[in-house]
Amino acid sequence: MTPYSLSSLAQRPKGTRAVLTGIEERAGSVVAYRKALTAILQGMAKETRDSVIAELRRDRGLTTDAPGDSWFRRLRTVQRQLSSEAARMVENILRLDAKRHTERFREDARRTLGIDLAAVVREEDLVEAIETALSRNVALITSLGEDAVNRVEQIVYTAGTNGTSLKEVRAQLQNAFSVTNSRAELIAQDQISKFNSDLNRLRQQQAGITKYIWKTSADERVRSLHQSLRGKEYRWGQPTGAEQGLPPGQPVRCRCRADPIVEF
């Protein structure tokens, strides 16, 4: 990522400043990410019904032998396949978001400052950021699937020890997948917000911008703490008034953004 000075390119009167619009996350990206994770859980739930529950029926509710590793071998295989597919889908989402972000940043500079940044702001600038985010997200996706398998195994093994009825095991499995699905929703929202926040920071710092204004999504879901930060100015690298002093978009499920201040 080659640095440049946006204020020098704009050539405005000395001592003045302009505020650009920070780029918000795309709601469609959150939905697409959530669908990718939901596909993992739906596929695993189906495999659990088709293989694990089938073994339970044949074993008459675990009244004889404890379940063996073979019961879950197919489930683990399915989990790895589905996690791999989800990772590819999420990679596409991140790459499309980075492309959109680049285009939006150029558009805002053209609209607000009347300059064309095509020569200095390129999609290739964000390759490292994409790879870093992808590595983090693949780890989360893999963990989500593995945790689901572990929950299934624990429920079934405990049922074998306690003599739990098949009906109760089904209810416990359904609840386990429900809990995991809630985690999937959190991951989707949180990771898209964090990635968008990273892109805002990188593009602004590349342009020599050191200050920003905290802006919220201005809806009923904005938490009171973040509402109190709306309109406040911070420097990149300076702790904010948010959780752990984090910048907009970095706290868990934060949809706020950083509006860059260009000082001339």
Protein backbone atom coordinates (compact mmCIF):
# COMPACT_ATOMS: atom_id res chain seq x y z
CA MET A 1 0.00 0.00 0.00
CA THR A 2 1.71 3.17 -1.23
CA PRO A 3 1.09 6.21 1.01
CA TYR A 4 0.08 9.61 -0.42
CA SER A 5 -1.26 12.92 0.86
CA LEU A 6 -4.92 13.51 0.11
CA SER A 7 -4.70 17.06 1.47
CA SER A 8 -1.87 17.91 -0.95
CA LEU A 9 -3.77 16.52 -3.91
CA ALA A 10 -6.89 18.49 -3.05
CA GLN A 11 -5.08 21.85 -2.72
CA ARG A 12 -7.60 23.60 -0.50
CA PRO A 13 -6.92 26.82 1.46
CA LYS A 14 -4.43 26.30 4.27
CA GLY A 15 -6.00 25.95 7.71
CA THR A 16 -9.29 24.56 6.41
CA ARG A 17 -10.55 21.00 6.53
CA ALA A 18 -13.10 18.70 4.91
CA VAL A 19 -14.95 15.71 6.33
CA LEU A 20 -15.48 12.73 4.06
CA THR A 21 -18.04 9.99 4.66
CA GLY A 22 -16.70 6.84 6.25
CA ILE A 23 -17.84 3.73 4.42
CA GLU A 24 -20.42 1.64 6.22
CA GLU A 25 -20.56 -2.15 6.12
CA ARG A 26 -22.88 -3.67 3.54
CA ALA A 27 -25.90 -5.38 5.11
CA GLY A 28 -25.95 -7.86 2.23
CA SER A 29 -22.46 -9.05 3.19
CA VAL A 30 -23.65 -9.88 6.69
CA VAL A 31 -26.61 -11.82 5.27
CA ALA A 32 -24.39 -13.73 2.83
CA TYR A 33 -21.86 -14.55 5.54
CA ARG A 34 -24.63 -15.77 7.84
CA LYS A 35 -26.01 -17.99 5.06
CA ALA A 36 -22.57 -19.55 4.58
CA LEU A 37 -22.38 -20.46 8.27
CA THR A 38 -26.00 -21.58 8.42
CA ALA A 39 -25.28 -24.00 5.56
CA ILE A 40 -22.64 -25.69 7.73
CA LEU A 41 -25.03 -26.17 10.63
CA GLN A 42 -27.94 -27.29 8.49
CA GLY A 43 -25.76 -29.87 6.78
CA MET A 44 -24.41 -31.12 10.08
CA ALA A 45 -27.88 -31.29 11.62
CA LYS A 46 -29.04 -33.39 8.68
CA GLU A 47 -26.04 -35.71 8.98
CA THR A 48 -26.69 -36.03 12.72
CA ARG A 49 -30.26 -37.12 12.00
CA ASP A 50 -29.24 -39.48 9.21
CA SER A 51 -26.32 -41.20 10.90
CA VAL A 52 -26.05 -40.53 14.64
CA ILE A 53 -29.78 -40.70 15.39
CA ALA A 54 -30.00 -43.75 13.13
CA GLU A 55 -27.32 -45.44 15.24
CA LEU A 56 -29.24 -44.53 18.37
CA ARG A 57 -32.37 -46.18 16.99
CA ARG A 58 -30.48 -49.33 16.09
CA ASP A 59 -28.96 -49.40 19.56
CA ARG A 60 -32.42 -48.97 21.09
CA GLY A 61 -31.61 -45.73 22.89
CA LEU A 62 -28.10 -46.65 24.03
CA THR A 63 -29.27 -49.38 26.37
CA THR A 64 -26.37 -51.69 25.52
CA ASP A 65 -22.96 -50.48 24.32
CA ALA A 66 -21.52 -46.97 24.46
CA PRO A 67 -21.25 -45.18 21.12
CA GLY A 68 -18.03 -45.69 19.19
CA ASP A 69 -15.89 -43.24 17.21
CA SER A 70 -17.35 -44.63 13.99
CA TRP A 71 -20.66 -43.02 14.89
CA PHE A 72 -19.15 -39.57 14.44
CA ARG A 73 -16.60 -40.21 11.68
CA ARG A 74 -19.03 -39.34 8.91
CA LEU A 75 -20.20 -36.26 10.81
CA ARG A 76 -16.64 -34.97 11.09
CA THR A 77 -16.06 -35.57 7.38
CA VAL A 78 -19.20 -33.62 6.52
CA GLN A 79 -18.17 -30.84 8.90
CA ARG A 80 -14.79 -30.43 7.20
CA GLN A 81 -16.35 -30.39 3.73
CA LEU A 82 -18.99 -27.84 4.68
CA SER A 83 -16.48 -25.65 6.53
CA SER A 84 -14.24 -25.62 3.46
CA GLU A 85 -17.15 -24.58 1.24
CA ALA A 86 -18.15 -21.84 3.70
CA ALA A 87 -14.58 -20.53 3.78
CA ARG A 88 -14.60 -20.17 -0.02
CA MET A 89 -17.90 -18.30 0.15
CA VAL A 90 -16.60 -15.96 2.84
CA GLU A 91 -13.43 -15.31 0.83
CA ASN A 92 -15.60 -14.14 -2.08
CA ILE A 93 -17.59 -11.90 0.28
CA LEU A 94 -14.42 -10.28 1.65
CA ARG A 95 -12.94 -9.72 -1.81
CA LEU A 96 -16.16 -8.15 -3.08
CA ASP A 97 -16.34 -5.92 0.00
CA ALA A 98 -12.75 -4.76 -0.54
CA LYS A 99 -13.53 -3.96 -4.19
CA ARG A 100 -16.67 -2.03 -3.20
CA HIS A 101 -14.76 -0.17 -0.49
CA THR A 102 -12.10 0.95 -2.97
CA GLU A 103 -14.72 2.21 -5.40
CA ARG A 104 -16.65 4.04 -2.67
CA PHE A 105 -13.52 5.72 -1.32
CA ARG A 106 -12.65 7.02 -4.79
CA GLU A 107 -16.21 8.22 -5.33
CA ASP A 108 -16.27 10.12 -2.04
CA ALA A 109 -12.97 11.86 -2.81
CA ARG A 110 -14.27 12.83 -6.24
CA ARG A 111 -17.60 14.08 -4.91
CA THR A 112 -16.27 15.90 -1.84
CA LEU A 113 -12.86 17.15 -3.01
CA GLY A 114 -13.15 16.97 -6.79
CA ILE A 115 -10.08 14.77 -7.28
CA ASP A 116 -9.56 11.44 -9.02
CA LEU A 117 -7.64 8.90 -6.92
CA ALA A 118 -7.56 6.12 -9.52
CA ALA A 119 -3.78 6.47 -9.89
CA VAL A 120 -3.04 6.07 -6.16
CA VAL A 121 -5.94 4.03 -4.75
CA ARG A 122 -5.96 0.52 -6.19
CA GLU A 123 -7.65 -2.76 -5.32
CA GLU A 124 -4.24 -4.40 -4.97
CA ASP A 125 -3.55 -2.20 -1.93
CA LEU A 126 -5.84 -4.37 0.18
CA VAL A 127 -4.43 -7.82 -0.65
CA GLU A 128 -2.65 -8.17 2.69
CA ALA A 129 -5.72 -6.97 4.62
CA ILE A 130 -7.88 -9.52 2.82
CA GLU A 131 -5.48 -12.37 3.55
CA THR A 132 -5.24 -11.41 7.23
CA ALA A 133 -9.03 -11.24 7.56
CA LEU A 134 -9.46 -14.49 5.66
CA SER A 135 -7.06 -16.32 7.96
CA ARG A 136 -8.97 -15.07 11.00
CA ASN A 137 -12.33 -15.98 9.52
CA VAL A 138 -11.30 -19.46 8.40
CA ALA A 139 -10.22 -20.18 11.97
CA LEU A 140 -13.62 -19.02 13.26
CA ILE A 141 -15.51 -21.06 10.65
CA THR A 142 -13.50 -24.19 11.46
CA SER A 143 -14.03 -23.66 15.18
CA LEU A 144 -17.78 -23.26 14.70
CA GLY A 145 -18.07 -26.62 12.95
CA GLU A 146 -15.75 -28.44 15.33
CA ASP A 147 -17.61 -27.10 18.35
CA ALA A 148 -20.88 -28.38 16.88
CA VAL A 149 -19.41 -31.88 16.45
CA ASN A 150 -18.08 -31.82 20.00
CA ARG A 151 -21.50 -30.84 21.33
CA VAL A 152 -23.12 -33.74 19.48
CA GLU A 153 -20.53 -36.19 20.80
CA GLN A 154 -20.88 -34.96 24.38
CA ILE A 155 -24.68 -35.24 24.29
CA VAL A 156 -24.61 -38.74 22.84
CA TYR A 157 -21.88 -40.05 25.16
CA THR A 158 -23.65 -38.59 28.21
CA ALA A 159 -26.89 -40.16 27.04
CA GLY A 160 -25.14 -43.53 26.89
CA THR A 161 -23.94 -43.13 30.46
CA ASN A 162 -27.23 -41.85 31.87
CA GLY A 163 -29.64 -43.94 29.85
CA THR A 164 -31.28 -40.84 28.37
CA SER A 165 -34.28 -41.48 26.14
CA LEU A 166 -34.04 -40.98 22.38
CA LYS A 167 -36.66 -38.23 22.59
CA GLU A 168 -34.61 -36.31 25.14
CA VAL A 169 -31.42 -36.74 23.11
CA ARG A 170 -33.16 -35.25 20.09
CA ALA A 171 -34.28 -32.26 22.17
CA GLN A 172 -30.76 -31.74 23.50
CA LEU A 173 -29.27 -31.92 20.00
CA GLN A 174 -31.81 -29.42 18.68
CA ASN A 175 -30.94 -27.02 21.49
CA ALA A 176 -27.21 -27.47 20.84
CA PHE A 177 -27.59 -26.52 17.18
CA SER A 178 -29.76 -23.56 18.19
CA VAL A 179 -27.00 -22.25 20.47
CA THR A 180 -24.39 -22.74 17.76
CA ASN A 181 -26.60 -20.93 15.25
CA SER A 182 -26.71 -17.90 17.56
CA ARG A 183 -22.93 -17.93 17.62
CA ALA A 184 -22.91 -18.07 13.81
CA GLU A 185 -25.04 -14.92 13.64
CA LEU A 186 -22.66 -13.15 16.00
CA ILE A 187 -19.62 -14.17 13.94
CA ALA A 188 -21.19 -12.95 10.69
CA GLN A 189 -22.11 -9.50 12.04
CA ASP A 190 -18.93 -9.01 14.03
CA GLN A 191 -16.47 -10.08 11.34
CA ILE A 192 -18.00 -8.00 8.57
CA SER A 193 -17.97 -4.96 10.89
CA LYS A 194 -14.35 -5.54 11.85
CA PHE A 195 -13.24 -6.03 8.25
CA ASN A 196 -15.02 -2.84 7.13
CA SER A 197 -13.44 -0.97 10.05
CA ASP A 198 -9.99 -2.23 9.05
CA LEU A 199 -10.52 -1.05 5.47
CA ASN A 200 -11.59 2.41 6.63
CA ARG A 201 -8.48 2.71 8.80
CA LEU A 202 -6.12 1.48 6.09
CA ARG A 203 -7.53 3.72 3.35
CA GLN A 204 -7.50 6.77 5.61
CA GLN A 205 -3.98 6.21 6.90
CA GLN A 206 -2.76 5.56 3.36
CA ALA A 207 -4.11 9.00 2.44
CA GLY A 208 -2.25 10.66 5.31
CA ILE A 209 -5.44 11.15 7.34
CA THR A 210 -4.84 11.03 11.08
CA LYS A 211 -8.21 12.17 12.50
CA TYR A 212 -11.77 10.94 12.22
CA ILE A 213 -15.22 11.60 13.63
CA TRP A 214 -17.11 8.78 15.35
CA LYS A 215 -20.42 8.21 13.57
CA THR A 216 -23.13 5.72 14.49
CA SER A 217 -25.72 3.91 12.41
CA ALA A 218 -28.29 6.25 14.00
CA ASP A 219 -30.92 3.60 14.66
CA GLU A 220 -32.50 1.92 17.67
CA ARG A 221 -29.83 -0.78 17.78
CA VAL A 222 -27.00 1.64 18.63
CA ARG A 223 -25.86 0.95 22.20
CA SER A 224 -25.98 3.88 24.62
CA LEU A 225 -22.20 4.00 25.06
CA HIS A 226 -21.62 4.40 21.33
CA GLN A 227 -24.44 6.91 21.07
CA SER A 228 -22.52 9.06 23.55
CA LEU A 229 -19.45 8.93 21.27
CA ARG A 230 -21.29 10.20 18.20
CA GLY A 231 -19.61 13.31 16.78
CA LYS A 232 -16.46 13.01 18.89
CA GLU A 233 -13.09 13.34 17.16
CA TYR A 234 -10.22 10.88 17.62
CA ARG A 235 -6.82 10.20 16.13
CA TRP A 236 -6.00 6.81 14.66
CA GLY A 237 -4.09 4.91 17.33
CA GLN A 238 -5.61 7.00 20.13
CA PRO A 239 -7.88 5.12 22.58
CA THR A 240 -11.54 6.01 22.19
CA GLY A 241 -14.35 6.02 24.73
CA ALA A 242 -15.57 2.63 23.47
CA GLU A 243 -14.90 -0.82 24.93
CA GLN A 244 -11.13 -1.39 25.37
CA GLY A 245 -10.60 2.01 23.71
CA LEU A 246 -11.33 0.47 20.31
CA PRO A 247 -12.12 2.49 17.16
CA PRO A 248 -15.50 2.38 15.34
CA GLY A 249 -16.49 -1.05 14.05
CA GLN A 250 -14.06 -2.99 16.25
CA PRO A 251 -16.07 -3.61 19.46
CA VAL A 252 -18.27 -6.70 19.25
CA ARG A 253 -21.27 -6.08 16.97
CA CYS A 254 -20.37 -2.40 16.53
CA ARG A 255 -21.72 -0.94 13.28
CA CYS A 256 -20.27 2.53 13.78
CA ARG A 257 -17.90 4.11 11.28
CA ALA A 258 -14.99 6.57 11.17
CA ASP A 259 -15.63 9.69 9.06
CA PRO A 260 -12.19 10.91 7.93
CA ILE A 261 -11.09 14.52 8.51
CA VAL A 262 -8.85 15.95 5.79
CA GLU A 263 -6.83 18.86 7.18
CA PHE A 264 -5.18 21.28 4.75
